[in-house]
Amino acid sequence: KVMRMLRRDDPWFEKFGEIYFSMVYPGVVKGWHLHKIMTLNYAVVSGAIKLVLYDDREDSATKGEIQEIFADRENYALITIPPWVWNGFKGIGAKPAIIANCATELHDPAEIARLDPFSKKIPYDWGLKHG
């Protein structure tokens, strides 16, 4: 099975900064973080994750909303996350997950904001089993 992530002629392709991979073990939470400039394009290439988004942008129609996305090889998708949207993910299933990110910018620690995964600023409980 071929898993295509992103082509430069896709209508949602913005620009290329870099591609990197993250790994997360089952039960581990990586988050929260947001990017001030970078748009993220995530695809899960192995394993399974629960990706959670939280929008606290003042001018957004979805301000205050949480979105959960379950992603793996069977539910394969490109997930685009715009700047200023908090995101994190939790490894689910029996094996580690590998997430590819085709980002629009080069990595720059100065444009990233981070929060503890259990911060009360974001109304989400990683311990709950949704879905």
N, C-alpha and C. Protein backbone atom coordinates (compact mmCIF):
# COMPACT_ATOMS: atom_id res chain seq x y z
N LYS A 1 0.86 -1.19 0.00
CA LYS A 1 0.00 0.00 0.00
C LYS A 1 0.90 1.25 0.00
N VAL A 2 0.65 2.14 -0.93
CA VAL A 2 1.39 3.40 -1.01
C VAL A 2 0.69 4.44 -0.14
N MET A 3 1.47 5.14 0.66
CA MET A 3 0.94 6.21 1.50
C MET A 3 1.57 7.52 1.03
N ARG A 4 0.83 8.30 0.27
CA ARG A 4 1.35 9.57 -0.22
C ARG A 4 1.00 10.65 0.79
N MET A 5 2.00 11.44 1.14
CA MET A 5 1.80 12.48 2.16
C MET A 5 1.39 13.81 1.55
N LEU A 6 2.18 14.31 0.60
CA LEU A 6 1.95 15.67 0.11
C LEU A 6 2.70 15.85 -1.19
N ARG A 7 2.03 16.49 -2.15
CA ARG A 7 2.66 16.82 -3.43
C ARG A 7 2.65 18.34 -3.60
N ARG A 8 3.63 18.84 -4.32
CA ARG A 8 3.68 20.29 -4.51
C ARG A 8 2.53 20.83 -5.36
N ASP A 9 1.84 19.95 -6.12
CA ASP A 9 0.69 20.40 -6.89
C ASP A 9 -0.65 20.17 -6.17
N ASP A 10 -0.61 19.69 -4.92
CA ASP A 10 -1.83 19.62 -4.12
C ASP A 10 -2.32 21.03 -3.83
N PRO A 11 -3.63 21.28 -3.89
CA PRO A 11 -4.14 22.63 -3.65
C PRO A 11 -3.85 23.14 -2.23
N TRP A 12 -3.64 22.24 -1.27
CA TRP A 12 -3.38 22.65 0.11
C TRP A 12 -1.89 22.80 0.41
N PHE A 13 -1.02 22.48 -0.57
CA PHE A 13 0.41 22.66 -0.36
C PHE A 13 0.72 24.16 -0.30
N GLU A 14 1.42 24.57 0.76
CA GLU A 14 1.77 25.98 0.94
C GLU A 14 3.21 26.24 0.50
N LYS A 15 4.16 25.63 1.21
CA LYS A 15 5.57 25.73 0.86
C LYS A 15 6.34 24.71 1.67
N PHE A 16 7.59 24.48 1.27
CA PHE A 16 8.41 23.48 1.94
C PHE A 16 9.44 24.15 2.82
N GLY A 17 9.48 23.75 4.09
CA GLY A 17 10.51 24.18 5.02
C GLY A 17 11.45 23.03 5.34
N GLU A 18 10.88 21.95 5.90
CA GLU A 18 11.65 20.75 6.21
C GLU A 18 10.69 19.62 6.53
N ILE A 19 11.21 18.40 6.47
CA ILE A 19 10.46 17.23 6.91
C ILE A 19 11.22 16.63 8.09
N TYR A 20 10.49 16.31 9.15
CA TYR A 20 11.11 15.60 10.26
C TYR A 20 10.12 14.58 10.80
N PHE A 21 10.65 13.65 11.59
CA PHE A 21 9.85 12.56 12.15
C PHE A 21 9.91 12.61 13.66
N SER A 22 8.77 12.34 14.29
CA SER A 22 8.68 12.22 15.74
C SER A 22 8.23 10.80 16.07
N MET A 23 8.72 10.28 17.18
CA MET A 23 8.28 8.98 17.64
C MET A 23 7.68 9.14 19.02
N VAL A 24 6.60 8.40 19.26
CA VAL A 24 5.96 8.42 20.57
C VAL A 24 5.59 6.98 20.94
N TYR A 25 5.88 6.64 22.19
CA TYR A 25 5.56 5.30 22.69
C TYR A 25 4.12 5.26 23.20
N PRO A 26 3.51 4.06 23.22
CA PRO A 26 2.14 3.94 23.71
C PRO A 26 1.99 4.52 25.12
N GLY A 27 0.95 5.32 25.30
CA GLY A 27 0.66 5.92 26.59
C GLY A 27 1.40 7.21 26.88
N VAL A 28 2.38 7.57 26.05
CA VAL A 28 3.16 8.80 26.26
C VAL A 28 2.48 9.97 25.56
N VAL A 29 2.47 11.12 26.24
CA VAL A 29 1.90 12.35 25.69
C VAL A 29 3.02 13.29 25.31
N LYS A 30 2.97 13.82 24.09
CA LYS A 30 3.88 14.88 23.64
C LYS A 30 3.04 16.11 23.37
N GLY A 31 3.22 17.12 24.15
CA GLY A 31 2.43 18.33 23.99
C GLY A 31 2.51 19.10 25.27
N TRP A 32 1.89 20.18 25.32
CA TRP A 32 1.30 20.98 24.26
C TRP A 32 2.35 21.87 23.62
N HIS A 33 2.16 22.19 22.35
CA HIS A 33 2.99 23.20 21.71
C HIS A 33 2.20 23.86 20.58
N LEU A 34 2.64 25.05 20.23
CA LEU A 34 2.08 25.72 19.05
C LEU A 34 3.23 26.43 18.34
N HIS A 35 3.01 26.68 17.08
CA HIS A 35 3.98 27.42 16.27
C HIS A 35 3.37 28.77 15.91
N LYS A 36 4.18 29.80 15.98
CA LYS A 36 3.72 31.16 15.69
C LYS A 36 3.74 31.47 14.19
N ILE A 37 4.57 30.77 13.43
CA ILE A 37 4.70 31.02 11.99
C ILE A 37 4.45 29.75 11.18
N MET A 38 4.99 28.64 11.63
CA MET A 38 4.97 27.39 10.89
C MET A 38 3.59 26.75 10.81
N THR A 39 3.25 26.24 9.62
CA THR A 39 2.11 25.35 9.45
C THR A 39 2.64 23.93 9.46
N LEU A 40 1.98 23.05 10.22
CA LEU A 40 2.37 21.65 10.32
C LEU A 40 1.53 20.81 9.37
N ASN A 41 2.13 19.81 8.79
CA ASN A 41 1.42 18.82 7.96
C ASN A 41 1.83 17.45 8.47
N TYR A 42 0.99 16.87 9.35
CA TYR A 42 1.29 15.60 9.99
C TYR A 42 0.69 14.43 9.21
N ALA A 43 1.43 13.32 9.20
CA ALA A 43 0.92 12.04 8.73
C ALA A 43 1.54 10.95 9.60
N VAL A 44 0.73 10.02 10.06
CA VAL A 44 1.22 8.92 10.88
C VAL A 44 1.61 7.79 9.93
N VAL A 45 2.89 7.43 9.93
CA VAL A 45 3.37 6.42 9.00
C VAL A 45 3.47 5.02 9.64
N SER A 46 3.46 4.96 10.96
CA SER A 46 3.51 3.68 11.66
C SER A 46 2.91 3.86 13.05
N GLY A 47 2.23 2.85 13.53
CA GLY A 47 1.62 2.95 14.85
C GLY A 47 0.34 3.76 14.82
N ALA A 48 -0.07 4.26 15.98
CA ALA A 48 -1.33 4.99 16.09
C ALA A 48 -1.21 6.08 17.15
N ILE A 49 -1.88 7.21 16.89
CA ILE A 49 -1.88 8.31 17.85
C ILE A 49 -3.29 8.87 18.01
N LYS A 50 -3.45 9.56 19.13
CA LYS A 50 -4.59 10.46 19.32
C LYS A 50 -3.98 11.86 19.27
N LEU A 51 -4.32 12.61 18.23
CA LEU A 51 -3.86 13.99 18.07
C LEU A 51 -4.95 14.90 18.59
N VAL A 52 -4.56 15.85 19.44
CA VAL A 52 -5.55 16.77 20.02
C VAL A 52 -5.16 18.20 19.67
N LEU A 53 -6.14 18.95 19.19
CA LEU A 53 -5.96 20.36 18.85
C LEU A 53 -6.81 21.21 19.77
N TYR A 54 -6.27 22.35 20.17
CA TYR A 54 -7.02 23.32 20.97
C TYR A 54 -6.80 24.70 20.38
N ASP A 55 -7.90 25.37 20.08
CA ASP A 55 -7.85 26.68 19.44
C ASP A 55 -8.20 27.77 20.46
N ASP A 56 -7.21 28.60 20.79
CA ASP A 56 -7.52 29.74 21.67
C ASP A 56 -7.24 31.07 20.96
N ARG A 57 -7.25 31.05 19.61
CA ARG A 57 -7.05 32.28 18.83
C ARG A 57 -8.26 33.19 19.01
N GLU A 58 -8.00 34.44 19.35
CA GLU A 58 -9.07 35.40 19.65
C GLU A 58 -10.06 35.58 18.50
N ASP A 59 -9.56 35.62 17.28
CA ASP A 59 -10.42 35.94 16.13
C ASP A 59 -10.94 34.70 15.41
N SER A 60 -10.87 33.55 16.04
CA SER A 60 -11.23 32.30 15.38
C SER A 60 -12.68 31.90 15.65
N ALA A 61 -13.32 31.36 14.62
CA ALA A 61 -14.69 30.84 14.77
C ALA A 61 -14.72 29.60 15.66
N THR A 62 -13.58 28.94 15.83
CA THR A 62 -13.53 27.73 16.67
C THR A 62 -12.82 27.99 18.00
N LYS A 63 -12.74 29.26 18.42
CA LYS A 63 -12.08 29.60 19.68
C LYS A 63 -12.68 28.79 20.83
N GLY A 64 -11.78 28.19 21.63
CA GLY A 64 -12.21 27.42 22.80
C GLY A 64 -12.55 25.97 22.51
N GLU A 65 -12.47 25.56 21.25
CA GLU A 65 -12.85 24.19 20.89
C GLU A 65 -11.65 23.24 20.92
N ILE A 66 -11.97 21.99 21.27
CA ILE A 66 -11.01 20.88 21.26
C ILE A 66 -11.40 19.96 20.11
N GLN A 67 -10.40 19.45 19.40
CA GLN A 67 -10.65 18.45 18.37
C GLN A 67 -9.71 17.28 18.59
N GLU A 68 -10.25 16.07 18.59
CA GLU A 68 -9.47 14.84 18.69
C GLU A 68 -9.48 14.16 17.34
N ILE A 69 -8.30 13.72 16.90
CA ILE A 69 -8.18 12.98 15.64
C ILE A 69 -7.40 11.71 15.94
N PHE A 70 -7.98 10.58 15.60
CA PHE A 70 -7.30 9.30 15.75
C PHE A 70 -6.70 8.95 14.40
N ALA A 71 -5.39 8.74 14.36
CA ALA A 71 -4.71 8.51 13.09
C ALA A 71 -3.78 7.31 13.18
N ASP A 72 -3.83 6.49 12.14
CA ASP A 72 -2.94 5.34 11.98
C ASP A 72 -2.95 4.94 10.51
N ARG A 73 -2.37 3.80 10.18
CA ARG A 73 -2.31 3.37 8.78
C ARG A 73 -3.70 3.10 8.21
N GLU A 74 -4.62 2.64 9.04
CA GLU A 74 -5.97 2.35 8.56
C GLU A 74 -6.81 3.62 8.42
N ASN A 75 -6.46 4.64 9.18
CA ASN A 75 -7.15 5.93 9.13
C ASN A 75 -6.14 6.98 8.70
N TYR A 76 -5.50 6.73 7.56
CA TYR A 76 -4.40 7.56 7.09
C TYR A 76 -4.93 8.87 6.54
N ALA A 77 -4.29 9.96 6.94
CA ALA A 77 -4.70 11.29 6.48
C ALA A 77 -3.54 12.26 6.66
N LEU A 78 -3.56 13.31 5.88
CA LEU A 78 -2.67 14.44 6.10
C LEU A 78 -3.44 15.41 6.98
N ILE A 79 -2.85 15.78 8.11
CA ILE A 79 -3.52 16.68 9.06
C ILE A 79 -2.74 17.98 9.08
N THR A 80 -3.37 19.05 8.62
CA THR A 80 -2.73 20.36 8.54
C THR A 80 -3.14 21.19 9.75
N ILE A 81 -2.14 21.71 10.45
CA ILE A 81 -2.38 22.51 11.66
C ILE A 81 -1.79 23.89 11.42
N PRO A 82 -2.65 24.91 11.41
CA PRO A 82 -2.16 26.27 11.16
C PRO A 82 -1.42 26.84 12.36
N PRO A 83 -0.69 27.93 12.14
CA PRO A 83 -0.03 28.61 13.26
C PRO A 83 -1.04 29.00 14.35
N TRP A 84 -0.56 29.07 15.57
CA TRP A 84 -1.29 29.52 16.75
C TRP A 84 -2.37 28.55 17.23
N VAL A 85 -2.34 27.30 16.77
CA VAL A 85 -3.26 26.29 17.29
C VAL A 85 -2.44 25.32 18.15
N TRP A 86 -2.84 25.18 19.41
CA TRP A 86 -2.15 24.26 20.32
C TRP A 86 -2.38 22.84 19.84
N ASN A 87 -1.35 22.00 19.92
CA ASN A 87 -1.51 20.61 19.54
C ASN A 87 -0.59 19.73 20.36
N GLY A 88 -1.00 18.50 20.47
CA GLY A 88 -0.21 17.47 21.14
C GLY A 88 -0.74 16.13 20.72
N PHE A 89 0.01 15.08 21.00
CA PHE A 89 -0.48 13.75 20.66
C PHE A 89 -0.04 12.74 21.70
N LYS A 90 -0.82 11.66 21.72
CA LYS A 90 -0.58 10.56 22.65
C LYS A 90 -0.46 9.27 21.84
N GLY A 91 0.57 8.49 22.13
CA GLY A 91 0.70 7.18 21.50
C GLY A 91 -0.37 6.26 22.01
N ILE A 92 -1.06 5.59 21.10
CA ILE A 92 -2.09 4.62 21.48
C ILE A 92 -1.79 3.31 20.75
N GLY A 93 -2.35 2.24 21.21
CA GLY A 93 -2.09 0.96 20.58
C GLY A 93 -0.95 0.24 21.27
N ALA A 94 -0.38 -0.77 20.57
CA ALA A 94 0.59 -1.66 21.19
C ALA A 94 2.04 -1.37 20.83
N LYS A 95 2.28 -0.51 19.85
CA LYS A 95 3.66 -0.26 19.44
C LYS A 95 3.90 1.24 19.27
N PRO A 96 5.15 1.67 19.25
CA PRO A 96 5.45 3.09 19.06
C PRO A 96 4.90 3.59 17.73
N ALA A 97 4.59 4.88 17.69
CA ALA A 97 4.09 5.52 16.47
C ALA A 97 5.16 6.45 15.91
N ILE A 98 5.20 6.56 14.60
CA ILE A 98 6.09 7.50 13.92
C ILE A 98 5.21 8.48 13.16
N ILE A 99 5.45 9.76 13.43
CA ILE A 99 4.68 10.84 12.80
C ILE A 99 5.62 11.65 11.93
N ALA A 100 5.27 11.82 10.66
CA ALA A 100 6.03 12.67 9.76
C ALA A 100 5.41 14.05 9.75
N ASN A 101 6.26 15.08 9.72
CA ASN A 101 5.78 16.45 9.62
C ASN A 101 6.49 17.12 8.45
N CYS A 102 5.72 17.53 7.46
CA CYS A 102 6.25 18.33 6.35
C CYS A 102 5.89 19.78 6.69
N ALA A 103 6.82 20.46 7.33
CA ALA A 103 6.58 21.80 7.85
C ALA A 103 6.87 22.87 6.80
N THR A 104 6.21 24.01 6.95
CA THR A 104 6.38 25.10 5.99
C THR A 104 7.60 25.96 6.28
N GLU A 105 8.23 25.78 7.44
CA GLU A 105 9.37 26.60 7.85
C GLU A 105 10.48 25.69 8.38
N LEU A 106 11.68 26.21 8.42
CA LEU A 106 12.77 25.52 9.11
C LEU A 106 12.53 25.59 10.62
N HIS A 107 12.98 24.57 11.33
CA HIS A 107 12.83 24.56 12.79
C HIS A 107 13.50 25.79 13.40
N ASP A 108 12.77 26.48 14.28
CA ASP A 108 13.27 27.65 14.97
C ASP A 108 12.66 27.67 16.37
N PRO A 109 13.44 27.35 17.40
CA PRO A 109 12.89 27.30 18.76
C PRO A 109 12.24 28.61 19.21
N ALA A 110 12.63 29.73 18.61
CA ALA A 110 12.07 31.02 19.01
C ALA A 110 10.62 31.18 18.58
N GLU A 111 10.14 30.38 17.62
CA GLU A 111 8.76 30.56 17.17
C GLU A 111 7.82 29.50 17.74
N ILE A 112 8.30 28.73 18.70
CA ILE A 112 7.50 27.69 19.34
C ILE A 112 7.13 28.11 20.76
N ALA A 113 5.87 27.90 21.12
CA ALA A 113 5.43 28.07 22.51
C ALA A 113 5.07 26.68 23.03
N ARG A 114 5.39 26.42 24.30
CA ARG A 114 5.14 25.10 24.89
C ARG A 114 4.38 25.24 26.21
N LEU A 115 3.58 24.23 26.48
CA LEU A 115 2.87 24.11 27.76
C LEU A 115 3.01 22.68 28.25
N ASP A 116 2.98 22.52 29.55
CA ASP A 116 2.93 21.19 30.15
C ASP A 116 1.68 20.46 29.63
N PRO A 117 1.78 19.15 29.32
CA PRO A 117 0.62 18.44 28.80
C PRO A 117 -0.58 18.44 29.74
N PHE A 118 -0.34 18.69 31.01
CA PHE A 118 -1.43 18.66 31.98
C PHE A 118 -1.79 20.05 32.50
N SER A 119 -1.38 21.09 31.75
CA SER A 119 -1.70 22.47 32.10
C SER A 119 -3.21 22.69 32.10
N LYS A 120 -3.68 23.42 33.09
CA LYS A 120 -5.11 23.73 33.19
C LYS A 120 -5.53 24.82 32.18
N LYS A 121 -4.55 25.44 31.51
CA LYS A 121 -4.88 26.45 30.49
C LYS A 121 -5.68 25.83 29.34
N ILE A 122 -5.42 24.55 29.08
CA ILE A 122 -6.14 23.84 28.03
C ILE A 122 -7.08 22.84 28.70
N PRO A 123 -8.39 22.95 28.45
CA PRO A 123 -9.37 22.11 29.14
C PRO A 123 -9.46 20.71 28.54
N TYR A 124 -8.42 19.92 28.78
CA TYR A 124 -8.39 18.58 28.20
C TYR A 124 -7.70 17.63 29.18
N ASP A 125 -8.26 16.42 29.29
CA ASP A 125 -7.71 15.40 30.16
C ASP A 125 -7.18 14.25 29.31
N TRP A 126 -5.85 14.15 29.22
CA TRP A 126 -5.22 13.11 28.42
C TRP A 126 -5.53 11.71 28.92
N GLY A 127 -5.93 11.59 30.19
CA GLY A 127 -6.21 10.28 30.76
C GLY A 127 -7.54 9.70 30.31
N LEU A 128 -8.45 10.53 29.81
CA LEU A 128 -9.73 10.04 29.36
C LEU A 128 -9.56 9.20 28.10
N LYS A 129 -10.40 8.19 27.98
CA LYS A 129 -10.37 7.34 26.79
C LYS A 129 -11.56 7.73 25.92
N HIS A 130 -11.28 8.49 24.86
CA HIS A 130 -12.33 8.91 23.93
C HIS A 130 -12.30 8.01 22.70
N GLY A 131 -13.33 8.10 21.91
CA GLY A 131 -13.35 7.42 20.60
C GLY A 131 -13.78 6.00 20.64
